[in-house]
Structure formats: C-alpha cells, structure tokens
Amino acid sequence: MHGLLKISRLVDWLNDRLGHGLMWLILAAVLISAGNAIVRKAFDTSSNALLEIQWYLFAAVFMLGSGFAFLKNAHVRIDFISNHLSPRTRNLIDIVGIVVFLLPLCYMLVTLSWPLFENAWKSGEMSQNAGGLIRWPMYGLIPLGFILLALQGLSELIKRAAFISGAGPDVISHIETEAKDEIGHEIEEHAAHVQEEVR
C-alpha cells in the first residue's frame, strides 16, 4: 500500500499543479473576451481567431481541470445524505462509484475521442470560420482531460482503500474540514474588516 500511496501523491501533485496553472487561462479568457468586446464596439470589427481562442481556453480549463476538481472534492456530492453516513460507508460508496462508473466512463470517452483527435491531426482540420484556428488541439483536450480524470480517480481509489484498510486518513473528511476552516477564516476576516470600517 505504501508504494501505491506514493503513486497517489504523485498524481495529486500533477493535478494540483495543473489546476493552479489553469487559473491563469481563465484570466486570459476574460481579458481576451473584454478586448474583443471593446474592439467590436469601438471599431466595429472582430477576429474569429480571438473569438475561438476564448472557447479553446474555456475548453482547456473545463477538460483539464476535472482531475483537479476531483482532487479538491469540488464535484457534485449530495451532502444532505453524505453527512449522515459513517466515514467508512462514504468511502465505500466512493470506491464503488469510481470502479463502476468513473473509470469505465473515462475509458469509453478516451477510446471514442482518440480517433477524432487523430483524424483532425492527420487532416490538419481547420475551423470553418474565416481566420479561424486549427481544430486538433481542441480534439486532443478530450482524451487528455479524461486521462487526467482517470488518473485522479485511481489516486482517489488508492486513498479510499488505504482508509478502509487502516493505512491512511479519511481524505473526504479532511478536505471538508479544510473547506469549512477556510470559509470560517474568510468570514472572520470580513467581520474584522467591517468592524474597522464602523470605527
């Protein structure tokens, strides 16, 4: 189990670094979008390439950030039910979900999307819009994103199995506690700021 946990930490590090890097793509997309709007209103012109790069950046954040979202427990979870279950039960449910649903879905989507990417790469497929961009990078994001999500799924599976076997902590509770502490800290800072303004 120790060797598997080392692999899990490596996958976590990869998706964590990637997730923090993707935040800059959101800023870039916002700046490009704002620039496009200003140019369109001020000069009555626009660029299809700049419009498409916004979509490409958004697609990159969405596809490549899914593993990061899973790492940070930011995916949809029915907290009303989850909070009433024991930590062991919650981890067992996650194990079943990862093995039965997540990993087969990732495998299926990588298998189906790879030929699309390969064909676009070989043909040099371009956007149909005048001045548009090449398409293969966007097709490539699909299998890459699901590979990263599958890797994170394996990492989470290892961590859940480690908890069940007594070889590791309950990462679900740990992440939820961190999130609550962070929210509590932000509320305290805001309250202190409001008090200073009142004085």
N, C-alpha and C. Protein backbone atom coordinates (compact mmCIF):
# COMPACT_ATOMS: atom_id res chain seq x y z
N MET A 1 0.82 -1.21 0.00
CA MET A 1 0.00 0.00 0.00
C MET A 1 0.86 1.27 0.00
N HIS A 2 2.05 1.18 0.63
CA HIS A 2 2.93 2.35 0.71
C HIS A 2 3.34 2.81 -0.69
N GLY A 3 3.67 1.87 -1.57
CA GLY A 3 4.05 2.21 -2.94
C GLY A 3 2.90 2.84 -3.71
N LEU A 4 1.69 2.31 -3.51
CA LEU A 4 0.51 2.86 -4.19
C LEU A 4 0.22 4.28 -3.70
N LEU A 5 0.41 4.52 -2.41
CA LEU A 5 0.19 5.87 -1.86
C LEU A 5 1.19 6.87 -2.43
N LYS A 6 2.41 6.42 -2.72
CA LYS A 6 3.40 7.31 -3.35
C LYS A 6 2.95 7.68 -4.76
N ILE A 7 2.41 6.70 -5.50
CA ILE A 7 1.87 6.99 -6.83
C ILE A 7 0.69 7.95 -6.72
N SER A 8 -0.16 7.74 -5.72
CA SER A 8 -1.31 8.62 -5.49
C SER A 8 -0.86 10.05 -5.24
N ARG A 9 0.18 10.22 -4.42
CA ARG A 9 0.68 11.57 -4.13
C ARG A 9 1.25 12.23 -5.38
N LEU A 10 1.88 11.44 -6.24
CA LEU A 10 2.43 11.98 -7.49
C LEU A 10 1.30 12.46 -8.40
N VAL A 11 0.24 11.67 -8.52
CA VAL A 11 -0.92 12.08 -9.34
C VAL A 11 -1.57 13.32 -8.75
N ASP A 12 -1.70 13.35 -7.42
CA ASP A 12 -2.28 14.53 -6.75
C ASP A 12 -1.45 15.78 -7.05
N TRP A 13 -0.14 15.63 -6.97
CA TRP A 13 0.75 16.77 -7.24
C TRP A 13 0.57 17.26 -8.68
N LEU A 14 0.50 16.32 -9.62
CA LEU A 14 0.35 16.68 -11.03
C LEU A 14 -0.94 17.46 -11.26
N ASN A 15 -2.06 16.94 -10.77
CA ASN A 15 -3.34 17.61 -10.99
C ASN A 15 -3.44 18.92 -10.20
N ASP A 16 -2.80 18.99 -9.04
CA ASP A 16 -2.80 20.22 -8.26
C ASP A 16 -2.04 21.32 -8.99
N ARG A 17 -0.85 20.99 -9.50
CA ARG A 17 -0.06 21.99 -10.24
C ARG A 17 -0.80 22.42 -11.50
N LEU A 18 -1.36 21.45 -12.20
CA LEU A 18 -2.09 21.76 -13.43
C LEU A 18 -3.30 22.64 -13.13
N GLY A 19 -4.03 22.31 -12.08
CA GLY A 19 -5.22 23.07 -11.71
C GLY A 19 -4.89 24.52 -11.39
N HIS A 20 -3.82 24.74 -10.65
CA HIS A 20 -3.42 26.11 -10.33
C HIS A 20 -2.94 26.86 -11.57
N GLY A 21 -2.31 26.16 -12.49
CA GLY A 21 -1.88 26.79 -13.74
C GLY A 21 -3.07 27.17 -14.62
N LEU A 22 -4.11 26.35 -14.60
CA LEU A 22 -5.29 26.62 -15.43
C LEU A 22 -6.02 27.88 -15.01
N MET A 23 -5.82 28.29 -13.77
CA MET A 23 -6.47 29.53 -13.31
C MET A 23 -6.03 30.73 -14.15
N TRP A 24 -4.81 30.68 -14.64
CA TRP A 24 -4.32 31.78 -15.49
C TRP A 24 -5.03 31.79 -16.84
N LEU A 25 -5.45 30.61 -17.30
CA LEU A 25 -6.20 30.57 -18.55
C LEU A 25 -7.56 31.25 -18.42
N ILE A 26 -8.15 31.18 -17.23
CA ILE A 26 -9.42 31.88 -17.00
C ILE A 26 -9.19 33.38 -17.13
N LEU A 27 -8.12 33.87 -16.53
CA LEU A 27 -7.80 35.30 -16.64
C LEU A 27 -7.57 35.68 -18.10
N ALA A 28 -6.83 34.85 -18.82
CA ALA A 28 -6.56 35.13 -20.24
C ALA A 28 -7.86 35.17 -21.03
N ALA A 29 -8.77 34.24 -20.76
CA ALA A 29 -10.05 34.21 -21.48
C ALA A 29 -10.87 35.46 -21.19
N VAL A 30 -10.86 35.90 -19.94
CA VAL A 30 -11.60 37.11 -19.57
C VAL A 30 -11.02 38.33 -20.27
N LEU A 31 -9.68 38.45 -20.28
CA LEU A 31 -9.04 39.61 -20.91
C LEU A 31 -9.28 39.62 -22.42
N ILE A 32 -9.17 38.46 -23.05
CA ILE A 32 -9.42 38.38 -24.50
C ILE A 32 -10.88 38.72 -24.80
N SER A 33 -11.79 38.21 -23.98
CA SER A 33 -13.21 38.49 -24.18
C SER A 33 -13.49 39.98 -24.03
N ALA A 34 -12.92 40.60 -23.01
CA ALA A 34 -13.11 42.03 -22.80
C ALA A 34 -12.51 42.83 -23.95
N GLY A 35 -11.32 42.42 -24.40
CA GLY A 35 -10.68 43.10 -25.53
C GLY A 35 -11.51 42.99 -26.80
N ASN A 36 -12.06 41.81 -27.05
CA ASN A 36 -12.93 41.61 -28.22
C ASN A 36 -14.15 42.52 -28.16
N ALA A 37 -14.77 42.60 -26.98
CA ALA A 37 -15.97 43.43 -26.83
C ALA A 37 -15.65 44.90 -27.06
N ILE A 38 -14.51 45.36 -26.53
CA ILE A 38 -14.12 46.77 -26.69
C ILE A 38 -13.84 47.08 -28.15
N VAL A 39 -13.07 46.20 -28.82
CA VAL A 39 -12.73 46.42 -30.23
C VAL A 39 -13.99 46.39 -31.10
N ARG A 40 -14.90 45.46 -30.79
CA ARG A 40 -16.13 45.36 -31.58
C ARG A 40 -16.98 46.62 -31.45
N LYS A 41 -17.08 47.14 -30.23
CA LYS A 41 -17.91 48.33 -30.01
C LYS A 41 -17.21 49.59 -30.53
N ALA A 42 -15.89 49.70 -30.30
CA ALA A 42 -15.17 50.93 -30.66
C ALA A 42 -14.87 51.02 -32.15
N PHE A 43 -14.51 49.87 -32.76
CA PHE A 43 -14.05 49.91 -34.15
C PHE A 43 -14.93 49.11 -35.11
N ASP A 44 -16.01 48.52 -34.59
CA ASP A 44 -16.95 47.76 -35.40
C ASP A 44 -16.25 46.65 -36.20
N THR A 45 -15.34 45.95 -35.53
CA THR A 45 -14.62 44.84 -36.17
C THR A 45 -14.35 43.76 -35.13
N SER A 46 -14.05 42.57 -35.58
CA SER A 46 -13.71 41.49 -34.65
C SER A 46 -12.86 40.46 -35.36
N SER A 47 -12.30 39.54 -34.58
CA SER A 47 -11.43 38.50 -35.13
C SER A 47 -11.99 37.14 -34.75
N ASN A 48 -12.23 36.30 -35.75
CA ASN A 48 -12.71 34.94 -35.46
C ASN A 48 -11.69 34.14 -34.66
N ALA A 49 -10.42 34.38 -34.93
CA ALA A 49 -9.37 33.66 -34.20
C ALA A 49 -9.43 34.01 -32.71
N LEU A 50 -9.62 35.30 -32.40
CA LEU A 50 -9.69 35.70 -30.99
C LEU A 50 -10.97 35.21 -30.34
N LEU A 51 -12.05 35.15 -31.10
CA LEU A 51 -13.28 34.59 -30.56
C LEU A 51 -13.11 33.10 -30.25
N GLU A 52 -12.47 32.39 -31.16
CA GLU A 52 -12.30 30.95 -30.97
C GLU A 52 -11.31 30.63 -29.86
N ILE A 53 -10.29 31.49 -29.70
CA ILE A 53 -9.31 31.20 -28.64
C ILE A 53 -9.98 31.28 -27.27
N GLN A 54 -11.01 32.12 -27.13
CA GLN A 54 -11.77 32.16 -25.87
C GLN A 54 -12.40 30.80 -25.60
N TRP A 55 -13.02 30.22 -26.64
CA TRP A 55 -13.65 28.91 -26.48
C TRP A 55 -12.61 27.84 -26.18
N TYR A 56 -11.46 27.95 -26.84
CA TYR A 56 -10.39 26.98 -26.62
C TYR A 56 -9.88 27.05 -25.18
N LEU A 57 -9.72 28.27 -24.67
CA LEU A 57 -9.23 28.43 -23.30
C LEU A 57 -10.25 27.88 -22.30
N PHE A 58 -11.52 28.17 -22.54
CA PHE A 58 -12.56 27.66 -21.66
C PHE A 58 -12.59 26.14 -21.70
N ALA A 59 -12.48 25.58 -22.91
CA ALA A 59 -12.47 24.11 -23.05
C ALA A 59 -11.28 23.50 -22.31
N ALA A 60 -10.12 24.16 -22.39
CA ALA A 60 -8.93 23.65 -21.70
C ALA A 60 -9.13 23.65 -20.19
N VAL A 61 -9.71 24.73 -19.65
CA VAL A 61 -9.96 24.80 -18.21
C VAL A 61 -10.95 23.71 -17.80
N PHE A 62 -12.01 23.56 -18.57
CA PHE A 62 -13.06 22.59 -18.23
C PHE A 62 -12.53 21.16 -18.31
N MET A 63 -11.85 20.82 -19.42
CA MET A 63 -11.41 19.44 -19.62
C MET A 63 -10.22 19.08 -18.74
N LEU A 64 -9.22 19.95 -18.69
CA LEU A 64 -8.01 19.61 -17.94
C LEU A 64 -8.16 19.84 -16.45
N GLY A 65 -9.20 20.56 -16.05
CA GLY A 65 -9.41 20.84 -14.63
C GLY A 65 -10.28 19.84 -13.91
N SER A 66 -10.80 18.85 -14.63
CA SER A 66 -11.70 17.89 -13.97
C SER A 66 -10.98 17.05 -12.92
N GLY A 67 -9.74 16.68 -13.19
CA GLY A 67 -8.96 15.93 -12.19
C GLY A 67 -8.69 16.78 -10.96
N PHE A 68 -8.42 18.06 -11.16
CA PHE A 68 -8.19 19.00 -10.05
C PHE A 68 -9.46 19.13 -9.21
N ALA A 69 -10.62 19.23 -9.89
CA ALA A 69 -11.89 19.32 -9.17
C ALA A 69 -12.14 18.08 -8.31
N PHE A 70 -11.80 16.91 -8.85
CA PHE A 70 -11.98 15.67 -8.09
C PHE A 70 -11.02 15.64 -6.90
N LEU A 71 -9.79 16.08 -7.11
CA LEU A 71 -8.80 16.14 -6.03
C LEU A 71 -9.30 17.01 -4.88
N LYS A 72 -9.90 18.16 -5.21
CA LYS A 72 -10.35 19.11 -4.20
C LYS A 72 -11.77 18.82 -3.70
N ASN A 73 -12.34 17.70 -4.12
CA ASN A 73 -13.69 17.30 -3.71
C ASN A 73 -14.72 18.36 -4.10
N ALA A 74 -14.49 18.99 -5.27
CA ALA A 74 -15.38 20.06 -5.74
C ALA A 74 -16.47 19.53 -6.66
N HIS A 75 -16.50 18.23 -6.88
CA HIS A 75 -17.54 17.65 -7.74
C HIS A 75 -18.85 17.57 -6.95
N VAL A 76 -19.91 17.27 -7.65
CA VAL A 76 -21.24 17.24 -7.03
C VAL A 76 -21.32 16.05 -6.07
N ARG A 77 -21.74 16.36 -4.85
CA ARG A 77 -21.94 15.31 -3.85
C ARG A 77 -23.21 15.69 -3.09
N ILE A 78 -24.07 14.74 -2.82
CA ILE A 78 -25.32 15.04 -2.10
C ILE A 78 -24.99 15.09 -0.61
N ASP A 79 -24.62 16.30 -0.14
CA ASP A 79 -24.15 16.46 1.23
C ASP A 79 -25.21 16.08 2.26
N PHE A 80 -26.48 16.34 1.95
CA PHE A 80 -27.54 16.02 2.91
C PHE A 80 -27.52 14.54 3.29
N ILE A 81 -27.27 13.70 2.29
CA ILE A 81 -27.19 12.26 2.55
C ILE A 81 -25.80 11.89 3.06
N SER A 82 -24.79 12.43 2.41
CA SER A 82 -23.40 12.09 2.72
C SER A 82 -23.05 12.39 4.19
N ASN A 83 -23.55 13.51 4.71
CA ASN A 83 -23.22 13.91 6.08
C ASN A 83 -23.82 12.98 7.13
N HIS A 84 -24.82 12.20 6.75
CA HIS A 84 -25.46 11.28 7.70
C HIS A 84 -24.87 9.87 7.64
N LEU A 85 -23.87 9.68 6.80
CA LEU A 85 -23.25 8.36 6.67
C LEU A 85 -21.95 8.32 7.45
N SER A 86 -21.54 7.12 7.83
CA SER A 86 -20.25 6.98 8.51
C SER A 86 -19.12 7.18 7.51
N PRO A 87 -17.94 7.59 7.99
CA PRO A 87 -16.80 7.76 7.07
C PRO A 87 -16.50 6.51 6.26
N ARG A 88 -16.61 5.35 6.89
CA ARG A 88 -16.34 4.09 6.18
C ARG A 88 -17.35 3.90 5.04
N THR A 89 -18.63 4.15 5.30
CA THR A 89 -19.67 3.99 4.28
C THR A 89 -19.45 4.97 3.13
N ARG A 90 -19.11 6.21 3.47
CA ARG A 90 -18.88 7.21 2.41
C ARG A 90 -17.71 6.79 1.52
N ASN A 91 -16.67 6.26 2.12
CA ASN A 91 -15.51 5.82 1.34
C ASN A 91 -15.84 4.60 0.50
N LEU A 92 -16.65 3.69 1.04
CA LEU A 92 -17.07 2.52 0.26
C LEU A 92 -17.92 2.94 -0.94
N ILE A 93 -18.81 3.91 -0.73
CA ILE A 93 -19.63 4.42 -1.84
C ILE A 93 -18.74 5.03 -2.91
N ASP A 94 -17.72 5.79 -2.49
CA ASP A 94 -16.79 6.38 -3.45
C ASP A 94 -16.04 5.32 -4.24
N ILE A 95 -15.62 4.26 -3.55
CA ILE A 95 -14.90 3.17 -4.23
C ILE A 95 -15.78 2.55 -5.31
N VAL A 96 -17.03 2.26 -4.96
CA VAL A 96 -17.96 1.68 -5.94
C VAL A 96 -18.17 2.65 -7.10
N GLY A 97 -18.37 3.92 -6.79
CA GLY A 97 -18.60 4.92 -7.83
C GLY A 97 -17.42 5.05 -8.79
N ILE A 98 -16.21 5.02 -8.23
CA ILE A 98 -15.01 5.15 -9.06
C ILE A 98 -14.83 3.93 -9.95
N VAL A 99 -14.99 2.73 -9.36
CA VAL A 99 -14.76 1.49 -10.11
C VAL A 99 -15.86 1.20 -11.13
N VAL A 100 -17.11 1.41 -10.72
CA VAL A 100 -18.24 1.02 -11.57
C VAL A 100 -18.60 2.09 -12.59
N PHE A 101 -18.46 3.36 -12.22
CA PHE A 101 -18.91 4.44 -13.11
C PHE A 101 -17.77 5.27 -13.69
N LEU A 102 -16.93 5.84 -12.84
CA LEU A 102 -15.94 6.82 -13.32
C LEU A 102 -14.91 6.21 -14.26
N LEU A 103 -14.23 5.16 -13.84
CA LEU A 103 -13.15 4.60 -14.67
C LEU A 103 -13.67 4.02 -15.99
N PRO A 104 -14.79 3.26 -16.00
CA PRO A 104 -15.31 2.81 -17.31
C PRO A 104 -15.72 3.97 -18.21
N LEU A 105 -16.31 5.03 -17.63
CA LEU A 105 -16.71 6.18 -18.43
C LEU A 105 -15.47 6.84 -19.05
N CYS A 106 -14.42 7.03 -18.25
CA CYS A 106 -13.19 7.63 -18.77
C CYS A 106 -12.60 6.78 -19.89
N TYR A 107 -12.56 5.48 -19.69
CA TYR A 107 -12.03 4.58 -20.72
C TYR A 107 -12.83 4.70 -22.01
N MET A 108 -14.17 4.70 -21.89
CA MET A 108 -15.03 4.77 -23.06
C MET A 108 -14.82 6.09 -23.81
N LEU A 109 -14.75 7.20 -23.08
CA LEU A 109 -14.63 8.50 -23.73
C LEU A 109 -13.24 8.72 -24.33
N VAL A 110 -12.21 8.18 -23.70
CA VAL A 110 -10.87 8.26 -24.31
C VAL A 110 -10.85 7.44 -25.60
N THR A 111 -11.43 6.25 -25.55
CA THR A 111 -11.48 5.38 -26.72
C THR A 111 -12.26 6.01 -27.88
N LEU A 112 -13.38 6.66 -27.56
CA LEU A 112 -14.20 7.27 -28.60
C LEU A 112 -13.61 8.58 -29.13
N SER A 113 -12.93 9.34 -28.27
CA SER A 113 -12.44 10.66 -28.69
C SER A 113 -11.08 10.60 -29.38
N TRP A 114 -10.31 9.56 -29.13
CA TRP A 114 -8.98 9.49 -29.72
C TRP A 114 -9.01 9.50 -31.25
N PRO A 115 -9.90 8.72 -31.92
CA PRO A 115 -9.95 8.78 -33.38
C PRO A 115 -10.30 10.17 -33.92
N LEU A 116 -11.14 10.92 -33.22
CA LEU A 116 -11.47 12.29 -33.64
C LEU A 116 -10.21 13.15 -33.65
N PHE A 117 -9.45 13.05 -32.57
CA PHE A 117 -8.19 13.80 -32.47
C PHE A 117 -7.21 13.37 -33.56
N GLU A 118 -7.08 12.07 -33.73
CA GLU A 118 -6.13 11.53 -34.71
C GLU A 118 -6.48 11.98 -36.14
N ASN A 119 -7.77 11.92 -36.47
CA ASN A 119 -8.20 12.34 -37.81
C ASN A 119 -7.97 13.84 -38.03
N ALA A 120 -8.28 14.64 -37.01
CA ALA A 120 -8.07 16.09 -37.13
C ALA A 120 -6.59 16.41 -37.26
N TRP A 121 -5.74 15.67 -36.56
CA TRP A 121 -4.28 15.87 -36.62
C TRP A 121 -3.77 15.56 -38.02
N LYS A 122 -4.19 14.40 -38.54
CA LYS A 122 -3.70 13.97 -39.85
C LYS A 122 -4.21 14.87 -40.98
N SER A 123 -5.45 15.33 -40.86
CA SER A 123 -6.03 16.14 -41.94
C SER A 123 -5.72 17.62 -41.80
N GLY A 124 -5.21 18.02 -40.64
CA GLY A 124 -4.97 19.44 -40.42
C GLY A 124 -6.26 20.23 -40.39
N GLU A 125 -7.30 19.63 -39.81
CA GLU A 125 -8.63 20.24 -39.83
C GLU A 125 -8.60 21.66 -39.26
N MET A 126 -9.26 22.56 -39.99
CA MET A 126 -9.32 23.97 -39.60
C MET A 126 -10.77 24.34 -39.31
N SER A 127 -10.93 25.43 -38.58
CA SER A 127 -12.26 25.98 -38.34
C SER A 127 -12.88 26.40 -39.66
N GLN A 128 -14.18 26.29 -39.76
CA GLN A 128 -14.88 26.70 -40.98
C GLN A 128 -15.05 28.22 -41.05
N ASN A 129 -14.81 28.91 -39.95
CA ASN A 129 -14.91 30.36 -39.93
C ASN A 129 -13.67 31.00 -40.54
N ALA A 130 -13.85 32.08 -41.25
CA ALA A 130 -12.71 32.78 -41.87
C ALA A 130 -11.75 33.25 -40.78
N GLY A 131 -10.49 32.92 -40.96
CA GLY A 131 -9.48 33.32 -39.98
C GLY A 131 -9.51 32.50 -38.71
N GLY A 132 -10.24 31.38 -38.73
CA GLY A 132 -10.37 30.54 -37.54
C GLY A 132 -9.11 29.72 -37.28
N LEU A 133 -9.14 28.96 -36.20
CA LEU A 133 -7.96 28.22 -35.74
C LEU A 133 -8.02 26.75 -36.15
N ILE A 134 -6.86 26.08 -35.99
CA ILE A 134 -6.82 24.64 -36.20
C ILE A 134 -7.63 23.94 -35.11
N ARG A 135 -8.16 22.77 -35.42
CA ARG A 135 -9.08 22.09 -34.50
C ARG A 135 -8.44 20.98 -33.67
N TRP A 136 -7.31 20.40 -34.14
CA TRP A 136 -6.82 19.22 -33.43
C TRP A 136 -6.45 19.47 -31.97
N PRO A 137 -5.97 20.68 -31.59
CA PRO A 137 -5.69 20.85 -30.16
C PRO A 137 -6.93 20.69 -29.28
N MET A 138 -8.07 21.15 -29.81
CA MET A 138 -9.31 21.02 -29.03
C MET A 138 -9.77 19.57 -28.94
N TYR A 139 -9.64 18.85 -30.05
CA TYR A 139 -9.99 17.42 -30.01
C TYR A 139 -9.04 16.68 -29.05
N GLY A 140 -7.80 17.11 -29.00
CA GLY A 140 -6.83 16.47 -28.13
C GLY A 140 -7.12 16.68 -26.65
N LEU A 141 -7.80 17.79 -26.33
CA LEU A 141 -8.14 18.04 -24.93
C LEU A 141 -9.10 17.00 -24.37
N ILE A 142 -9.91 16.41 -25.23
CA ILE A 142 -10.92 15.46 -24.73
C ILE A 142 -10.26 14.20 -24.16
N PRO A 143 -9.45 13.46 -24.95
CA PRO A 143 -8.83 12.29 -24.33
C PRO A 143 -7.86 12.65 -23.21
N LEU A 144 -7.13 13.77 -23.37
CA LEU A 144 -6.19 14.16 -22.32
C LEU A 144 -6.92 14.46 -21.01
N GLY A 145 -8.02 15.19 -21.11
CA GLY A 145 -8.80 15.52 -19.91
C GLY A 145 -9.32 14.28 -19.20
N PHE A 146 -9.81 13.31 -19.97
CA PHE A 146 -10.35 12.10 -19.34
C PHE A 146 -9.24 11.18 -18.84
N ILE A 147 -8.06 11.26 -19.44
CA ILE A 147 -6.91 10.51 -18.89
C ILE A 147 -6.53 11.09 -17.53
N LEU A 148 -6.47 12.42 -17.44
CA LEU A 148 -6.15 13.07 -16.16
C LEU A 148 -7.21 12.76 -15.10
N LEU A 149 -8.47 12.77 -15.51
CA LEU A 149 -9.55 12.44 -14.57
C LEU A 149 -9.45 10.98 -14.12
N ALA A 150 -9.13 10.07 -15.04
CA ALA A 150 -8.98 8.65 -14.69
C ALA A 150 -7.80 8.46 -13.72
N LEU A 151 -6.70 9.17 -13.98
CA LEU A 151 -5.55 9.08 -13.07
C LEU A 151 -5.93 9.55 -11.67
N GLN A 152 -6.68 10.67 -11.61
CA GLN A 152 -7.11 11.15 -10.30
C GLN A 152 -8.08 10.18 -9.67
N GLY A 153 -8.92 9.54 -10.49
CA GLY A 153 -9.82 8.52 -9.98
C GLY A 153 -9.06 7.37 -9.34
N LEU A 154 -7.98 6.94 -10.00
CA LEU A 154 -7.14 5.87 -9.43
C LEU A 154 -6.49 6.33 -8.13
N SER A 155 -6.03 7.59 -8.11
CA SER A 155 -5.44 8.14 -6.89
C SER A 155 -6.45 8.14 -5.75
N GLU A 156 -7.67 8.60 -6.05
CA GLU A 156 -8.72 8.63 -5.00
C GLU A 156 -9.10 7.22 -4.58
N LEU A 157 -9.08 6.29 -5.50
CA LEU A 157 -9.38 4.89 -5.18
C LEU A 157 -8.33 4.35 -4.20
N ILE A 158 -7.07 4.66 -4.46
CA ILE A 158 -5.99 4.23 -3.56
C ILE A 158 -6.19 4.82 -2.17
N LYS A 159 -6.51 6.11 -2.11
CA LYS A 159 -6.69 6.77 -0.81
C LYS A 159 -7.88 6.22 -0.06
N ARG A 160 -8.98 5.93 -0.78
CA ARG A 160 -10.16 5.35 -0.12
C ARG A 160 -9.84 3.95 0.40
N ALA A 161 -9.15 3.15 -0.42
CA ALA A 161 -8.78 1.79 0.01
C ALA A 161 -7.82 1.84 1.21
N ALA A 162 -6.92 2.83 1.21
CA ALA A 162 -5.99 2.98 2.34
C ALA A 162 -6.75 3.28 3.62
N PHE A 163 -7.77 4.12 3.53
CA PHE A 163 -8.56 4.44 4.72
C PHE A 163 -9.32 3.21 5.21
N ILE A 164 -9.95 2.49 4.28
CA ILE A 164 -10.72 1.29 4.66
C ILE A 164 -9.81 0.27 5.34
N SER A 165 -8.57 0.13 4.84
CA SER A 165 -7.65 -0.86 5.40
C SER A 165 -6.90 -0.34 6.63
N GLY A 166 -7.12 0.93 6.98
CA GLY A 166 -6.45 1.49 8.16
C GLY A 166 -5.06 2.02 7.88
N ALA A 167 -4.70 2.14 6.60
CA ALA A 167 -3.35 2.59 6.25
C ALA A 167 -3.27 4.07 5.90
N GLY A 168 -4.42 4.77 5.99
CA GLY A 168 -4.40 6.19 5.64
C GLY A 168 -5.57 6.93 6.26
N PRO A 169 -5.55 8.27 6.18
CA PRO A 169 -6.64 9.07 6.76
C PRO A 169 -7.88 9.09 5.88
N ASP A 170 -8.96 9.59 6.44
CA ASP A 170 -10.19 9.79 5.68
C ASP A 170 -10.06 11.11 4.92
N VAL A 171 -9.70 11.04 3.64
CA VAL A 171 -9.44 12.26 2.87
C VAL A 171 -10.71 13.06 2.62
N ILE A 172 -11.87 12.41 2.58
CA ILE A 172 -13.12 13.14 2.36
C ILE A 172 -13.37 14.09 3.52
N SER A 173 -13.29 13.59 4.77
CA SER A 173 -13.50 14.44 5.94
C SER A 173 -12.43 15.51 6.04
N HIS A 174 -11.20 15.14 5.69
CA HIS A 174 -10.08 16.09 5.76
C HIS A 174 -10.30 17.27 4.83
N ILE A 175 -10.73 17.00 3.60
CA ILE A 175 -10.97 18.07 2.62
C ILE A 175 -12.15 18.93 3.06
N GLU A 176 -13.22 18.29 3.57
CA GLU A 176 -14.39 19.05 4.01
C GLU A 176 -14.04 19.94 5.20
N THR A 177 -13.22 19.44 6.13
CA THR A 177 -12.80 20.23 7.28
C THR A 177 -11.96 21.43 6.83
N GLU A 178 -11.05 21.19 5.88
CA GLU A 178 -10.23 22.29 5.35
C GLU A 178 -11.11 23.36 4.73
N ALA A 179 -12.11 22.94 3.93
CA ALA A 179 -13.00 23.89 3.26
C ALA A 179 -13.79 24.71 4.29
N LYS A 180 -14.30 24.04 5.35
CA LYS A 180 -15.05 24.75 6.38
C LYS A 180 -14.16 25.73 7.13
N ASP A 181 -12.92 25.31 7.43
CA ASP A 181 -11.97 26.20 8.10
C ASP A 181 -11.66 27.42 7.25
N GLU A 182 -11.49 27.20 5.94
CA GLU A 182 -11.19 28.31 5.03
C GLU A 182 -12.36 29.28 4.96
N ILE A 183 -13.58 28.77 4.88
CA ILE A 183 -14.76 29.64 4.84
C ILE A 183 -14.89 30.40 6.16
N GLY A 184 -14.68 29.69 7.27
CA GLY A 184 -14.75 30.34 8.58
C GLY A 184 -13.72 31.45 8.71
N HIS A 185 -12.52 31.21 8.22
CA HIS A 185 -11.45 32.21 8.27
C HIS A 185 -11.82 33.43 7.43
N GLU A 186 -12.41 33.20 6.25
CA GLU A 186 -12.83 34.32 5.39
C GLU A 186 -13.94 35.13 6.06
N ILE A 187 -14.87 34.46 6.74
CA ILE A 187 -15.95 35.17 7.43
C ILE A 187 -15.37 36.02 8.56
N GLU A 188 -14.42 35.46 9.31
CA GLU A 188 -13.79 36.21 10.40
C GLU A 188 -13.05 37.44 9.87
N GLU A 189 -12.33 37.27 8.75
CA GLU A 189 -11.61 38.41 8.17
C GLU A 189 -12.59 39.50 7.71
N HIS A 190 -13.69 39.07 7.08
CA HIS A 190 -14.69 40.04 6.61
C HIS A 190 -15.32 40.77 7.80
N ALA A 191 -15.64 40.04 8.86
CA ALA A 191 -16.24 40.66 10.04
C ALA A 191 -15.28 41.67 10.67
N ALA A 192 -13.99 41.31 10.74
CA ALA A 192 -13.00 42.24 11.29
C ALA A 192 -12.88 43.49 10.43
N HIS A 193 -12.95 43.31 9.12
CA HIS A 193 -12.87 44.45 8.19
C HIS A 193 -14.07 45.38 8.36
N VAL A 194 -15.25 44.79 8.52
CA VAL A 194 -16.47 45.58 8.72
C VAL A 194 -16.39 46.35 10.04
N GLN A 195 -15.88 45.72 11.09
CA GLN A 195 -15.75 46.40 12.37
C GLN A 195 -14.80 47.58 12.29
N GLU A 196 -13.70 47.42 11.53
CA GLU A 196 -12.75 48.52 11.37
C GLU A 196 -13.40 49.70 10.65
N GLU A 197 -14.24 49.39 9.62
CA GLU A 197 -14.91 50.45 8.88
C GLU A 197 -15.92 51.19 9.75
N VAL A 198 -16.59 50.44 10.65
CA VAL A 198 -17.58 51.06 11.53
C VAL A 198 -16.91 52.02 12.50
N ARG A 199 -15.72 51.66 12.97
CA ARG A 199 -14.98 52.54 13.87
C ARG A 199 -14.54 53.79 13.14
